[in-house]
Amino acid sequence: MNDDFYTSANQRFYAKCLRYYERNTINKPIVFLPCANASKTRGKYGKKRISQSFTHQLMSAITRDGSLEKIIISEPLTIIPYRFEDEMPDYDYPPKLLHKKPDDLVLKDDWQLKRRLSIFLRVLYEKGVGRVYYCGGYHHYNLLKAANMGMLEIIAVLSREGTRDYARIAKELRKKILEIEQGEILERTVLPKTHSSLFGKSPTTFRSEIKWAGGT
């Protein structure tokens, strides 16, 4: 079972993803998504495919939208861009496993995940990305927030009811993305000199807007 952050296959995959985003500019809104139990997809694809999991199918308003850059936050691979899912090593690392290891390994894995995720977010920041989105539950959102350290604006729609509310929050986030991104295009086109970005920020400021399903 591949459940280790430090296998050569897992580290090579992370490095490959990092190099891609270092060398390429992404002109799509970036949406982070939670990992999911995809063990049942192995029979069809030969290894787990999180994009085809029941959880990600529930979020089809986001996951099937080709205009979005979708990136899964995952233990132990850290990031799994949808575009590289075919190349990822197969693995088994349910989040509860993290809490069944001895305390020293829990701290080591938690630190490593946040460290690698922070490095990736720094790459996005240095490439000019100012905002990212997140749709899902609290576990992976809290990891994203901790790793961010104020670099990027995070706009998240979170579920208080687990996966049963994922379809609704995905639709809600997609609507929010369209409003924000299309609004900024209009501002740059119509009023480029006199109108600042609705969500503009300096490198030293951080704005996080969170909308919980079922409440504000």
N, C-alpha and C. Protein backbone atom coordinates (compact mmCIF):
# COMPACT_ATOMS: atom_id res chain seq x y z
N MET A 1 0.84 -1.20 0.00
CA MET A 1 0.00 0.00 0.00
C MET A 1 0.88 1.24 0.00
N ASN A 2 0.63 2.14 -0.92
CA ASN A 2 1.38 3.38 -1.01
C ASN A 2 0.73 4.41 -0.09
N ASP A 3 1.30 4.57 1.10
CA ASP A 3 0.73 5.50 2.07
C ASP A 3 1.83 6.37 2.70
N ASP A 4 2.85 6.66 1.93
CA ASP A 4 4.02 7.36 2.46
C ASP A 4 4.32 8.60 1.61
N PHE A 5 4.53 9.72 2.25
CA PHE A 5 4.88 10.95 1.54
C PHE A 5 6.24 10.85 0.85
N TYR A 6 7.07 9.92 1.30
CA TYR A 6 8.48 9.98 0.92
C TYR A 6 8.91 8.91 -0.07
N THR A 7 7.96 8.18 -0.68
CA THR A 7 8.37 7.24 -1.72
C THR A 7 8.89 8.01 -2.93
N SER A 8 9.75 7.40 -3.69
CA SER A 8 10.32 8.09 -4.85
C SER A 8 9.23 8.43 -5.87
N ALA A 9 8.25 7.54 -6.04
CA ALA A 9 7.18 7.80 -7.01
C ALA A 9 6.36 9.01 -6.61
N ASN A 10 6.03 9.11 -5.33
CA ASN A 10 5.24 10.24 -4.87
C ASN A 10 6.00 11.55 -4.96
N GLN A 11 7.27 11.51 -4.63
CA GLN A 11 8.08 12.73 -4.70
C GLN A 11 8.32 13.16 -6.15
N ARG A 12 8.50 12.20 -7.05
CA ARG A 12 8.67 12.54 -8.47
C ARG A 12 7.41 13.19 -9.03
N PHE A 13 6.25 12.67 -8.64
CA PHE A 13 5.00 13.23 -9.14
C PHE A 13 4.83 14.67 -8.65
N TYR A 14 5.10 14.90 -7.39
CA TYR A 14 5.00 16.26 -6.85
C TYR A 14 5.95 17.20 -7.59
N ALA A 15 7.18 16.75 -7.83
CA ALA A 15 8.16 17.58 -8.53
C ALA A 15 7.71 17.88 -9.96
N LYS A 16 7.10 16.90 -10.61
CA LYS A 16 6.60 17.10 -11.98
C LYS A 16 5.52 18.18 -12.00
N CYS A 17 4.59 18.10 -11.05
CA CYS A 17 3.52 19.10 -10.98
C CYS A 17 4.10 20.48 -10.71
N LEU A 18 5.04 20.55 -9.81
CA LEU A 18 5.65 21.83 -9.45
C LEU A 18 6.33 22.45 -10.67
N ARG A 19 7.08 21.65 -11.41
CA ARG A 19 7.79 22.17 -12.60
C ARG A 19 6.80 22.69 -13.63
N TYR A 20 5.70 21.98 -13.81
CA TYR A 20 4.72 22.42 -14.82
C TYR A 20 4.20 23.81 -14.50
N TYR A 21 3.82 24.03 -13.26
CA TYR A 21 3.25 25.32 -12.91
C TYR A 21 4.31 26.41 -12.80
N GLU A 22 5.54 26.03 -12.58
CA GLU A 22 6.63 27.00 -12.62
C GLU A 22 6.87 27.49 -14.05
N ARG A 23 6.68 26.62 -15.02
CA ARG A 23 7.02 26.93 -16.41
C ARG A 23 5.85 27.42 -17.24
N ASN A 24 4.65 27.29 -16.72
CA ASN A 24 3.46 27.64 -17.50
C ASN A 24 2.57 28.62 -16.74
N THR A 25 1.95 29.50 -17.50
CA THR A 25 0.99 30.44 -16.93
C THR A 25 -0.41 29.88 -17.11
N ILE A 26 -1.16 29.80 -16.03
CA ILE A 26 -2.51 29.27 -16.07
C ILE A 26 -3.49 30.43 -16.16
N ASN A 27 -4.23 30.47 -17.24
CA ASN A 27 -5.17 31.56 -17.46
C ASN A 27 -6.60 31.18 -17.11
N LYS A 28 -6.75 30.17 -16.29
CA LYS A 28 -8.06 29.74 -15.83
C LYS A 28 -8.17 29.97 -14.32
N PRO A 29 -9.37 30.18 -13.82
CA PRO A 29 -9.54 30.20 -12.36
C PRO A 29 -9.11 28.85 -11.78
N ILE A 30 -8.37 28.89 -10.69
CA ILE A 30 -7.85 27.67 -10.07
C ILE A 30 -8.75 27.28 -8.90
N VAL A 31 -9.25 26.06 -8.95
CA VAL A 31 -10.15 25.56 -7.91
C VAL A 31 -9.51 24.35 -7.23
N PHE A 32 -9.33 24.44 -5.93
CA PHE A 32 -8.84 23.31 -5.15
C PHE A 32 -10.03 22.48 -4.68
N LEU A 33 -9.84 21.18 -4.71
CA LEU A 33 -10.89 20.23 -4.33
C LEU A 33 -10.35 19.23 -3.33
N PRO A 34 -11.20 18.64 -2.51
CA PRO A 34 -10.73 17.65 -1.55
C PRO A 34 -10.46 16.30 -2.21
N CYS A 35 -9.61 15.53 -1.58
CA CYS A 35 -9.42 14.15 -2.00
C CYS A 35 -10.70 13.37 -1.69
N ALA A 36 -10.80 12.16 -2.21
CA ALA A 36 -12.01 11.37 -2.02
C ALA A 36 -11.69 9.89 -2.12
N ASN A 37 -12.55 9.09 -1.56
CA ASN A 37 -12.42 7.64 -1.67
C ASN A 37 -12.78 7.21 -3.09
N ALA A 38 -11.78 6.75 -3.81
CA ALA A 38 -12.00 6.36 -5.20
C ALA A 38 -11.58 4.91 -5.46
N SER A 39 -11.58 4.10 -4.42
CA SER A 39 -11.11 2.72 -4.57
C SER A 39 -11.95 1.93 -5.57
N LYS A 40 -13.22 2.27 -5.70
CA LYS A 40 -14.09 1.52 -6.61
C LYS A 40 -13.77 1.82 -8.08
N THR A 41 -13.03 2.86 -8.35
CA THR A 41 -12.69 3.18 -9.74
C THR A 41 -11.52 2.35 -10.26
N ARG A 42 -10.85 1.62 -9.38
CA ARG A 42 -9.69 0.82 -9.82
C ARG A 42 -10.10 -0.27 -10.80
N GLY A 43 -11.27 -0.83 -10.61
CA GLY A 43 -11.70 -1.90 -11.50
C GLY A 43 -11.81 -1.45 -12.94
N LYS A 44 -12.19 -0.21 -13.15
CA LYS A 44 -12.36 0.30 -14.51
C LYS A 44 -11.08 0.91 -15.07
N TYR A 45 -10.31 1.58 -14.21
CA TYR A 45 -9.17 2.34 -14.70
C TYR A 45 -7.81 1.74 -14.33
N GLY A 46 -7.80 0.70 -13.52
CA GLY A 46 -6.54 0.06 -13.14
C GLY A 46 -5.87 0.73 -11.96
N LYS A 47 -6.31 1.88 -11.58
CA LYS A 47 -5.86 2.58 -10.38
C LYS A 47 -6.95 3.59 -10.02
N LYS A 48 -6.85 4.14 -8.85
CA LYS A 48 -7.90 5.05 -8.42
C LYS A 48 -7.88 6.33 -9.27
N ARG A 49 -9.05 6.81 -9.61
CA ARG A 49 -9.20 8.08 -10.32
C ARG A 49 -10.18 8.92 -9.52
N ILE A 50 -9.64 9.88 -8.81
CA ILE A 50 -10.45 10.67 -7.90
C ILE A 50 -11.49 11.48 -8.65
N SER A 51 -11.16 11.92 -9.85
CA SER A 51 -12.12 12.71 -10.63
C SER A 51 -13.39 11.92 -10.95
N GLN A 52 -13.27 10.58 -10.93
CA GLN A 52 -14.42 9.72 -11.23
C GLN A 52 -15.08 9.17 -9.97
N SER A 53 -14.64 9.62 -8.82
CA SER A 53 -15.22 9.16 -7.56
C SER A 53 -16.63 9.71 -7.40
N PHE A 54 -17.39 9.08 -6.54
CA PHE A 54 -18.75 9.54 -6.27
C PHE A 54 -18.75 10.98 -5.76
N THR A 55 -17.80 11.29 -4.89
CA THR A 55 -17.71 12.65 -4.33
C THR A 55 -17.50 13.69 -5.40
N HIS A 56 -16.57 13.45 -6.31
CA HIS A 56 -16.29 14.44 -7.35
C HIS A 56 -17.39 14.49 -8.40
N GLN A 57 -18.11 13.39 -8.58
CA GLN A 57 -19.26 13.44 -9.47
C GLN A 57 -20.37 14.31 -8.88
N LEU A 58 -20.49 14.30 -7.56
CA LEU A 58 -21.46 15.17 -6.92
C LEU A 58 -21.15 16.64 -7.21
N MET A 59 -19.87 16.95 -7.34
CA MET A 59 -19.44 18.33 -7.58
C MET A 59 -19.28 18.62 -9.07
N SER A 60 -20.10 17.99 -9.89
CA SER A 60 -19.93 18.08 -11.34
C SER A 60 -20.04 19.51 -11.88
N ALA A 61 -20.72 20.39 -11.17
CA ALA A 61 -20.79 21.79 -11.62
C ALA A 61 -19.40 22.39 -11.71
N ILE A 62 -18.49 21.91 -10.88
CA ILE A 62 -17.09 22.33 -10.92
C ILE A 62 -16.24 21.34 -11.69
N THR A 63 -16.35 20.06 -11.36
CA THR A 63 -15.41 19.07 -11.89
C THR A 63 -15.55 18.84 -13.39
N ARG A 64 -16.72 19.12 -13.96
CA ARG A 64 -16.91 18.93 -15.40
C ARG A 64 -16.80 20.23 -16.20
N ASP A 65 -16.41 21.28 -15.54
CA ASP A 65 -16.26 22.57 -16.20
C ASP A 65 -14.83 22.71 -16.73
N GLY A 66 -14.69 22.63 -18.04
CA GLY A 66 -13.36 22.69 -18.65
C GLY A 66 -12.71 24.06 -18.58
N SER A 67 -13.46 25.07 -18.18
CA SER A 67 -12.88 26.41 -18.09
C SER A 67 -12.16 26.64 -16.76
N LEU A 68 -12.16 25.63 -15.89
CA LEU A 68 -11.53 25.75 -14.57
C LEU A 68 -10.31 24.85 -14.48
N GLU A 69 -9.29 25.31 -13.78
CA GLU A 69 -8.10 24.51 -13.48
C GLU A 69 -8.33 23.84 -12.13
N LYS A 70 -8.52 22.54 -12.15
CA LYS A 70 -8.92 21.82 -10.94
C LYS A 70 -7.73 21.07 -10.35
N ILE A 71 -7.52 21.26 -9.05
CA ILE A 71 -6.38 20.65 -8.36
C ILE A 71 -6.87 20.02 -7.07
N ILE A 72 -6.59 18.74 -6.89
CA ILE A 72 -7.00 18.00 -5.70
C ILE A 72 -5.91 18.14 -4.63
N ILE A 73 -6.32 18.40 -3.40
CA ILE A 73 -5.41 18.36 -2.26
C ILE A 73 -5.48 16.95 -1.68
N SER A 74 -4.33 16.31 -1.58
CA SER A 74 -4.34 14.89 -1.25
C SER A 74 -3.16 14.47 -0.39
N GLU A 75 -3.42 13.62 0.58
CA GLU A 75 -2.37 12.91 1.27
C GLU A 75 -2.16 11.57 0.55
N PRO A 76 -0.98 11.17 0.14
CA PRO A 76 0.31 11.79 0.41
C PRO A 76 0.92 12.52 -0.80
N LEU A 77 0.17 12.73 -1.87
CA LEU A 77 0.74 13.35 -3.08
C LEU A 77 0.77 14.87 -2.99
N THR A 78 0.08 15.43 -2.06
CA THR A 78 -0.05 16.88 -1.83
C THR A 78 -0.99 17.52 -2.84
N ILE A 79 -0.63 17.49 -4.12
CA ILE A 79 -1.49 18.05 -5.16
C ILE A 79 -1.64 17.04 -6.29
N ILE A 80 -2.86 16.98 -6.82
CA ILE A 80 -3.12 16.16 -8.00
C ILE A 80 -3.92 17.02 -8.98
N PRO A 81 -3.25 17.70 -9.88
CA PRO A 81 -4.00 18.44 -10.91
C PRO A 81 -4.80 17.46 -11.77
N TYR A 82 -6.01 17.81 -12.09
CA TYR A 82 -6.80 16.96 -12.97
C TYR A 82 -6.02 16.64 -14.24
N ARG A 83 -5.26 17.60 -14.74
CA ARG A 83 -4.55 17.40 -16.00
C ARG A 83 -3.48 16.32 -15.91
N PHE A 84 -3.05 15.97 -14.70
CA PHE A 84 -2.02 14.95 -14.53
C PHE A 84 -2.53 13.70 -13.82
N GLU A 85 -3.83 13.56 -13.72
CA GLU A 85 -4.36 12.43 -12.97
C GLU A 85 -3.97 11.08 -13.58
N ASP A 86 -3.86 11.02 -14.90
CA ASP A 86 -3.46 9.77 -15.54
C ASP A 86 -2.06 9.33 -15.15
N GLU A 87 -1.24 10.28 -14.74
CA GLU A 87 0.17 9.99 -14.45
C GLU A 87 0.47 9.82 -12.97
N MET A 88 -0.52 10.02 -12.13
CA MET A 88 -0.24 9.96 -10.69
C MET A 88 -0.02 8.52 -10.23
N PRO A 89 0.83 8.31 -9.23
CA PRO A 89 0.98 6.98 -8.66
C PRO A 89 -0.28 6.59 -7.89
N ASP A 90 -0.65 5.34 -7.94
CA ASP A 90 -1.79 4.89 -7.16
C ASP A 90 -1.40 4.90 -5.69
N TYR A 91 -2.36 5.14 -4.81
CA TYR A 91 -2.04 5.22 -3.39
C TYR A 91 -3.28 4.96 -2.55
N ASP A 92 -3.05 4.70 -1.27
CA ASP A 92 -4.12 4.57 -0.28
C ASP A 92 -3.69 5.34 0.95
N TYR A 93 -4.36 6.43 1.20
CA TYR A 93 -4.04 7.23 2.38
C TYR A 93 -5.30 7.95 2.85
N PRO A 94 -6.24 7.23 3.48
CA PRO A 94 -7.42 7.91 4.01
C PRO A 94 -7.01 8.87 5.11
N PRO A 95 -7.63 10.04 5.20
CA PRO A 95 -7.23 11.03 6.21
C PRO A 95 -7.15 10.46 7.62
N LYS A 96 -8.03 9.48 7.96
CA LYS A 96 -8.01 8.93 9.31
C LYS A 96 -6.71 8.19 9.60
N LEU A 97 -6.00 7.75 8.54
CA LEU A 97 -4.72 7.07 8.73
C LEU A 97 -3.73 8.00 9.41
N LEU A 98 -3.81 9.27 9.09
CA LEU A 98 -2.89 10.24 9.66
C LEU A 98 -2.94 10.22 11.18
N HIS A 99 -4.11 9.96 11.73
CA HIS A 99 -4.29 10.02 13.17
C HIS A 99 -4.10 8.66 13.84
N LYS A 100 -3.79 7.63 13.04
CA LYS A 100 -3.53 6.32 13.61
C LYS A 100 -2.04 6.04 13.71
N LYS A 101 -1.23 6.90 13.14
CA LYS A 101 0.21 6.71 13.21
C LYS A 101 0.74 7.21 14.55
N PRO A 102 1.94 6.77 14.93
CA PRO A 102 2.55 7.34 16.14
C PRO A 102 2.65 8.86 16.03
N ASP A 103 2.65 9.52 17.17
CA ASP A 103 2.61 10.99 17.17
C ASP A 103 3.71 11.62 16.34
N ASP A 104 4.90 11.05 16.36
CA ASP A 104 5.99 11.67 15.61
C ASP A 104 5.73 11.61 14.11
N LEU A 105 5.09 10.55 13.63
CA LEU A 105 4.78 10.44 12.21
C LEU A 105 3.60 11.34 11.83
N VAL A 106 2.66 11.51 12.73
CA VAL A 106 1.56 12.42 12.48
C VAL A 106 2.11 13.82 12.26
N LEU A 107 2.97 14.27 13.12
CA LEU A 107 3.57 15.60 13.01
C LEU A 107 4.41 15.72 11.75
N LYS A 108 5.15 14.67 11.43
CA LYS A 108 6.02 14.70 10.26
C LYS A 108 5.20 14.80 8.98
N ASP A 109 4.16 13.98 8.85
CA ASP A 109 3.34 14.00 7.64
C ASP A 109 2.54 15.29 7.52
N ASP A 110 1.98 15.75 8.62
CA ASP A 110 1.22 16.99 8.60
C ASP A 110 2.12 18.16 8.19
N TRP A 111 3.31 18.20 8.76
CA TRP A 111 4.27 19.26 8.42
C TRP A 111 4.66 19.18 6.94
N GLN A 112 4.91 17.96 6.46
CA GLN A 112 5.36 17.81 5.08
C GLN A 112 4.27 18.21 4.09
N LEU A 113 3.03 17.84 4.37
CA LEU A 113 1.93 18.21 3.49
C LEU A 113 1.79 19.73 3.41
N LYS A 114 1.78 20.39 4.55
CA LYS A 114 1.64 21.84 4.56
C LYS A 114 2.85 22.52 3.91
N ARG A 115 4.02 21.96 4.13
CA ARG A 115 5.24 22.53 3.53
C ARG A 115 5.17 22.45 2.01
N ARG A 116 4.84 21.28 1.47
CA ARG A 116 4.78 21.11 0.02
C ARG A 116 3.65 21.94 -0.60
N LEU A 117 2.53 21.98 0.08
CA LEU A 117 1.42 22.78 -0.43
C LEU A 117 1.78 24.26 -0.42
N SER A 118 2.48 24.69 0.60
CA SER A 118 2.90 26.09 0.68
C SER A 118 3.87 26.44 -0.44
N ILE A 119 4.78 25.53 -0.75
CA ILE A 119 5.72 25.76 -1.87
C ILE A 119 4.94 25.91 -3.17
N PHE A 120 3.95 25.07 -3.36
CA PHE A 120 3.14 25.16 -4.58
C PHE A 120 2.38 26.48 -4.65
N LEU A 121 1.79 26.90 -3.55
CA LEU A 121 1.06 28.17 -3.53
C LEU A 121 2.00 29.34 -3.80
N ARG A 122 3.23 29.23 -3.31
CA ARG A 122 4.23 30.27 -3.59
C ARG A 122 4.53 30.34 -5.09
N VAL A 123 4.59 29.20 -5.74
CA VAL A 123 4.81 29.18 -7.20
C VAL A 123 3.66 29.91 -7.89
N LEU A 124 2.43 29.62 -7.50
CA LEU A 124 1.29 30.30 -8.11
C LEU A 124 1.38 31.81 -7.87
N TYR A 125 1.70 32.20 -6.65
CA TYR A 125 1.81 33.62 -6.30
C TYR A 125 2.87 34.31 -7.17
N GLU A 126 4.01 33.66 -7.33
CA GLU A 126 5.09 34.26 -8.12
C GLU A 126 4.78 34.29 -9.61
N LYS A 127 3.82 33.46 -10.04
CA LYS A 127 3.38 33.49 -11.44
C LYS A 127 2.26 34.50 -11.66
N GLY A 128 1.92 35.24 -10.63
CA GLY A 128 0.93 36.29 -10.78
C GLY A 128 -0.49 35.90 -10.41
N VAL A 129 -0.67 34.70 -9.87
CA VAL A 129 -2.01 34.29 -9.43
C VAL A 129 -2.32 35.03 -8.12
N GLY A 130 -3.45 35.68 -8.05
CA GLY A 130 -3.81 36.41 -6.85
C GLY A 130 -4.92 35.78 -6.05
N ARG A 131 -5.66 34.87 -6.69
CA ARG A 131 -6.84 34.30 -6.06
C ARG A 131 -7.00 32.84 -6.44
N VAL A 132 -7.43 32.03 -5.48
CA VAL A 132 -7.79 30.65 -5.76
C VAL A 132 -9.14 30.38 -5.09
N TYR A 133 -9.76 29.29 -5.51
CA TYR A 133 -11.07 28.91 -4.98
C TYR A 133 -10.97 27.52 -4.34
N TYR A 134 -11.91 27.27 -3.44
CA TYR A 134 -11.97 25.94 -2.83
C TYR A 134 -13.43 25.54 -2.64
N CYS A 135 -13.70 24.27 -2.91
CA CYS A 135 -15.04 23.72 -2.72
C CYS A 135 -14.90 22.37 -2.03
N GLY A 136 -15.58 22.20 -0.89
CA GLY A 136 -15.50 20.92 -0.21
C GLY A 136 -15.71 21.05 1.29
N GLY A 137 -15.07 20.15 2.04
CA GLY A 137 -15.20 20.12 3.49
C GLY A 137 -14.08 20.86 4.18
N TYR A 138 -14.12 20.79 5.51
CA TYR A 138 -13.21 21.57 6.33
C TYR A 138 -11.78 21.03 6.33
N HIS A 139 -11.61 19.72 6.28
CA HIS A 139 -10.28 19.14 6.47
C HIS A 139 -9.27 19.71 5.48
N HIS A 140 -9.56 19.62 4.20
CA HIS A 140 -8.60 20.08 3.21
C HIS A 140 -8.59 21.60 3.09
N TYR A 141 -9.71 22.24 3.40
CA TYR A 141 -9.70 23.71 3.43
C TYR A 141 -8.76 24.22 4.51
N ASN A 142 -8.78 23.62 5.68
CA ASN A 142 -7.90 24.06 6.76
C ASN A 142 -6.43 23.85 6.40
N LEU A 143 -6.14 22.78 5.68
CA LEU A 143 -4.76 22.56 5.21
C LEU A 143 -4.36 23.65 4.22
N LEU A 144 -5.26 23.97 3.29
CA LEU A 144 -4.99 25.01 2.30
C LEU A 144 -4.77 26.36 2.98
N LYS A 145 -5.61 26.69 3.92
CA LYS A 145 -5.52 27.96 4.62
C LYS A 145 -4.22 28.06 5.41
N ALA A 146 -3.84 26.98 6.08
CA ALA A 146 -2.60 26.99 6.87
C ALA A 146 -1.38 27.11 5.98
N ALA A 147 -1.41 26.45 4.82
CA ALA A 147 -0.27 26.50 3.91
C ALA A 147 -0.16 27.83 3.18
N ASN A 148 -1.25 28.51 3.03
CA ASN A 148 -1.28 29.75 2.24
C ASN A 148 -0.47 30.88 2.87
N MET A 149 -0.54 31.02 4.17
CA MET A 149 0.21 32.04 4.91
C MET A 149 0.01 33.45 4.34
N GLY A 150 -1.22 33.74 3.90
CA GLY A 150 -1.54 35.08 3.44
C GLY A 150 -1.10 35.43 2.04
N MET A 151 -0.60 34.46 1.28
CA MET A 151 -0.10 34.79 -0.07
C MET A 151 -1.23 35.08 -1.04
N LEU A 152 -2.26 34.27 -1.02
CA LEU A 152 -3.33 34.35 -2.02
C LEU A 152 -4.67 34.62 -1.35
N GLU A 153 -5.55 35.22 -2.08
CA GLU A 153 -6.94 35.34 -1.65
C GLU A 153 -7.60 33.97 -1.84
N ILE A 154 -8.29 33.50 -0.84
CA ILE A 154 -8.99 32.21 -0.92
C ILE A 154 -10.49 32.47 -0.82
N ILE A 155 -11.21 32.06 -1.83
CA ILE A 155 -12.66 32.14 -1.78
C ILE A 155 -13.19 30.72 -1.73
N ALA A 156 -13.87 30.39 -0.64
CA ALA A 156 -14.28 29.01 -0.41
C ALA A 156 -15.76 28.91 -0.13
N VAL A 157 -16.35 27.84 -0.62
CA VAL A 157 -17.71 27.47 -0.22
C VAL A 157 -17.59 26.11 0.45
N LEU A 158 -17.95 26.06 1.73
CA LEU A 158 -17.73 24.88 2.54
C LEU A 158 -19.06 24.22 2.92
N SER A 159 -18.99 22.92 3.09
CA SER A 159 -20.18 22.17 3.49
C SER A 159 -20.13 21.85 4.97
N ARG A 160 -21.23 22.09 5.65
CA ARG A 160 -21.36 21.68 7.05
C ARG A 160 -22.02 20.32 7.16
N GLU A 161 -22.43 19.75 6.04
CA GLU A 161 -23.18 18.50 6.06
C GLU A 161 -22.47 17.37 5.32
N GLY A 162 -21.17 17.49 5.13
CA GLY A 162 -20.43 16.44 4.45
C GLY A 162 -20.76 16.38 2.97
N THR A 163 -20.52 15.22 2.38
CA THR A 163 -20.66 15.08 0.94
C THR A 163 -22.09 15.23 0.45
N ARG A 164 -23.06 15.03 1.30
CA ARG A 164 -24.45 15.11 0.83
C ARG A 164 -24.83 16.51 0.36
N ASP A 165 -24.03 17.49 0.71
CA ASP A 165 -24.31 18.85 0.29
C ASP A 165 -23.37 19.33 -0.83
N TYR A 166 -22.52 18.43 -1.34
CA TYR A 166 -21.49 18.84 -2.29
C TYR A 166 -22.07 19.34 -3.62
N ALA A 167 -23.15 18.74 -4.08
CA ALA A 167 -23.72 19.18 -5.36
C ALA A 167 -24.15 20.64 -5.27
N ARG A 168 -24.79 21.00 -4.17
CA ARG A 168 -25.27 22.37 -4.03
C ARG A 168 -24.13 23.37 -3.88
N ILE A 169 -23.14 23.04 -3.07
CA ILE A 169 -22.06 24.02 -2.86
C ILE A 169 -21.22 24.18 -4.12
N ALA A 170 -21.12 23.11 -4.93
CA ALA A 170 -20.39 23.23 -6.20
C ALA A 170 -21.09 24.19 -7.14
N LYS A 171 -22.40 24.10 -7.21
CA LYS A 171 -23.16 25.03 -8.04
C LYS A 171 -23.02 26.46 -7.52
N GLU A 172 -23.02 26.59 -6.22
CA GLU A 172 -22.89 27.91 -5.61
C GLU A 172 -21.53 28.52 -5.91
N LEU A 173 -20.48 27.71 -5.80
CA LEU A 173 -19.14 28.23 -6.07
C LEU A 173 -18.98 28.57 -7.55
N ARG A 174 -19.51 27.74 -8.43
CA ARG A 174 -19.40 28.04 -9.86
C ARG A 174 -20.07 29.37 -10.19
N LYS A 175 -21.21 29.62 -9.60
CA LYS A 175 -21.90 30.90 -9.81
C LYS A 175 -21.04 32.05 -9.30
N LYS A 176 -20.43 31.87 -8.15
CA LYS A 176 -19.58 32.91 -7.58
C LYS A 176 -18.36 33.17 -8.46
N ILE A 177 -17.76 32.10 -8.99
CA ILE A 177 -16.60 32.25 -9.87
C ILE A 177 -16.97 33.06 -11.11
N LEU A 178 -18.09 32.71 -11.71
CA LEU A 178 -18.52 33.43 -12.91
C LEU A 178 -18.74 34.90 -12.61
N GLU A 179 -19.37 35.21 -11.49
CA GLU A 179 -19.63 36.60 -11.13
C GLU A 179 -18.33 37.37 -10.94
N ILE A 180 -17.39 36.77 -10.24
CA ILE A 180 -16.13 37.46 -9.94
C ILE A 180 -15.26 37.61 -11.18
N GLU A 181 -15.04 36.50 -11.90
CA GLU A 181 -14.13 36.53 -13.03
C GLU A 181 -14.68 37.35 -14.18
N GLN A 182 -15.95 37.22 -14.49
CA GLN A 182 -16.54 38.00 -15.58
C GLN A 182 -16.62 39.47 -15.19
N GLY A 183 -16.86 39.74 -13.91
CA GLY A 183 -16.88 41.12 -13.46
C GLY A 183 -15.55 41.80 -13.62
N GLU A 184 -14.46 41.07 -13.36
CA GLU A 184 -13.13 41.67 -13.50
C GLU A 184 -12.78 41.88 -14.97
N ILE A 185 -13.20 40.97 -15.82
CA ILE A 185 -12.96 41.16 -17.26
C ILE A 185 -13.66 42.43 -17.74
N LEU A 186 -14.89 42.62 -17.27
CA LEU A 186 -15.64 43.81 -17.65
C LEU A 186 -14.95 45.07 -17.14
N GLU A 187 -14.47 45.04 -15.91
CA GLU A 187 -13.79 46.21 -15.35
C GLU A 187 -12.54 46.56 -16.14
N ARG A 188 -11.76 45.54 -16.49
CA ARG A 188 -10.52 45.81 -17.23
C ARG A 188 -10.82 46.32 -18.63
N THR A 189 -11.93 45.88 -19.22
CA THR A 189 -12.27 46.25 -20.59
C THR A 189 -12.92 47.63 -20.67
N VAL A 190 -13.85 47.89 -19.75
CA VAL A 190 -14.64 49.11 -19.84
C VAL A 190 -13.99 50.27 -19.10
N LEU A 191 -13.44 50.00 -17.93
CA LEU A 191 -12.89 51.07 -17.12
C LEU A 191 -11.47 50.73 -16.65
N PRO A 192 -10.54 50.56 -17.58
CA PRO A 192 -9.21 50.10 -17.17
C PRO A 192 -8.43 51.09 -16.35
N LYS A 193 -8.72 52.40 -16.45
CA LYS A 193 -7.89 53.38 -15.77
C LYS A 193 -8.53 53.91 -14.50
N THR A 194 -9.85 53.88 -14.42
CA THR A 194 -10.51 54.54 -13.31
C THR A 194 -11.15 53.58 -12.32
N HIS A 195 -11.19 52.30 -12.67
CA HIS A 195 -11.89 51.35 -11.82
C HIS A 195 -10.95 50.24 -11.40
N SER A 196 -10.72 50.11 -10.11
CA SER A 196 -9.82 49.06 -9.64
C SER A 196 -10.56 47.75 -9.54
N SER A 197 -9.81 46.66 -9.45
CA SER A 197 -10.41 45.34 -9.34
C SER A 197 -11.27 45.23 -8.09
N LEU A 198 -12.41 44.60 -8.24
CA LEU A 198 -13.32 44.44 -7.11
C LEU A 198 -12.64 43.76 -5.94
N PHE A 199 -11.80 42.78 -6.24
CA PHE A 199 -11.12 42.05 -5.18
C PHE A 199 -9.62 42.30 -5.20
N GLY A 200 -9.20 43.50 -5.67
CA GLY A 200 -7.79 43.81 -5.73
C GLY A 200 -7.17 43.81 -4.36
N LYS A 201 -5.89 43.44 -4.26
CA LYS A 201 -5.19 43.45 -2.98
C LYS A 201 -3.72 43.66 -3.22
N SER A 202 -3.06 44.20 -2.25
CA SER A 202 -1.61 44.33 -2.32
C SER A 202 -0.99 43.03 -1.86
N PRO A 203 0.31 42.80 -2.17
CA PRO A 203 0.95 41.54 -1.76
C PRO A 203 0.97 41.35 -0.26
N THR A 204 0.77 42.42 0.52
CA THR A 204 0.87 42.28 1.96
C THR A 204 -0.49 42.09 2.63
N THR A 205 -1.56 42.07 1.84
CA THR A 205 -2.88 41.90 2.43
C THR A 205 -3.48 40.57 2.03
N PHE A 206 -4.45 40.13 2.80
CA PHE A 206 -5.07 38.83 2.54
C PHE A 206 -6.56 38.94 2.78
N ARG A 207 -7.33 38.46 1.83
CA ARG A 207 -8.78 38.50 1.96
C ARG A 207 -9.29 37.08 1.78
N SER A 208 -10.11 36.63 2.65
CA SER A 208 -10.71 35.30 2.52
C SER A 208 -12.21 35.43 2.69
N GLU A 209 -12.94 35.04 1.68
CA GLU A 209 -14.40 35.08 1.76
C GLU A 209 -14.89 33.65 1.82
N ILE A 210 -15.64 33.33 2.87
CA ILE A 210 -16.12 31.97 3.06
C ILE A 210 -17.63 31.98 3.11
N LYS A 211 -18.23 31.11 2.35
CA LYS A 211 -19.69 30.95 2.40
C LYS A 211 -19.98 29.51 2.76
N TRP A 212 -20.65 29.30 3.89
CA TRP A 212 -20.99 27.95 4.30
C TRP A 212 -22.34 27.55 3.73
N ALA A 213 -22.43 26.34 3.30
CA ALA A 213 -23.72 25.85 2.83
C ALA A 213 -24.68 25.83 4.00
N GLY A 214 -25.85 26.35 3.76
CA GLY A 214 -26.85 26.34 4.80
C GLY A 214 -26.82 27.57 5.68
N GLY A 215 -25.91 28.51 5.43
CA GLY A 215 -25.87 29.71 6.25
C GLY A 215 -24.83 30.66 5.75
N THR A 216 -24.73 31.84 6.33
CA THR A 216 -23.74 32.85 5.94
C THR A 216 -22.74 33.04 7.04
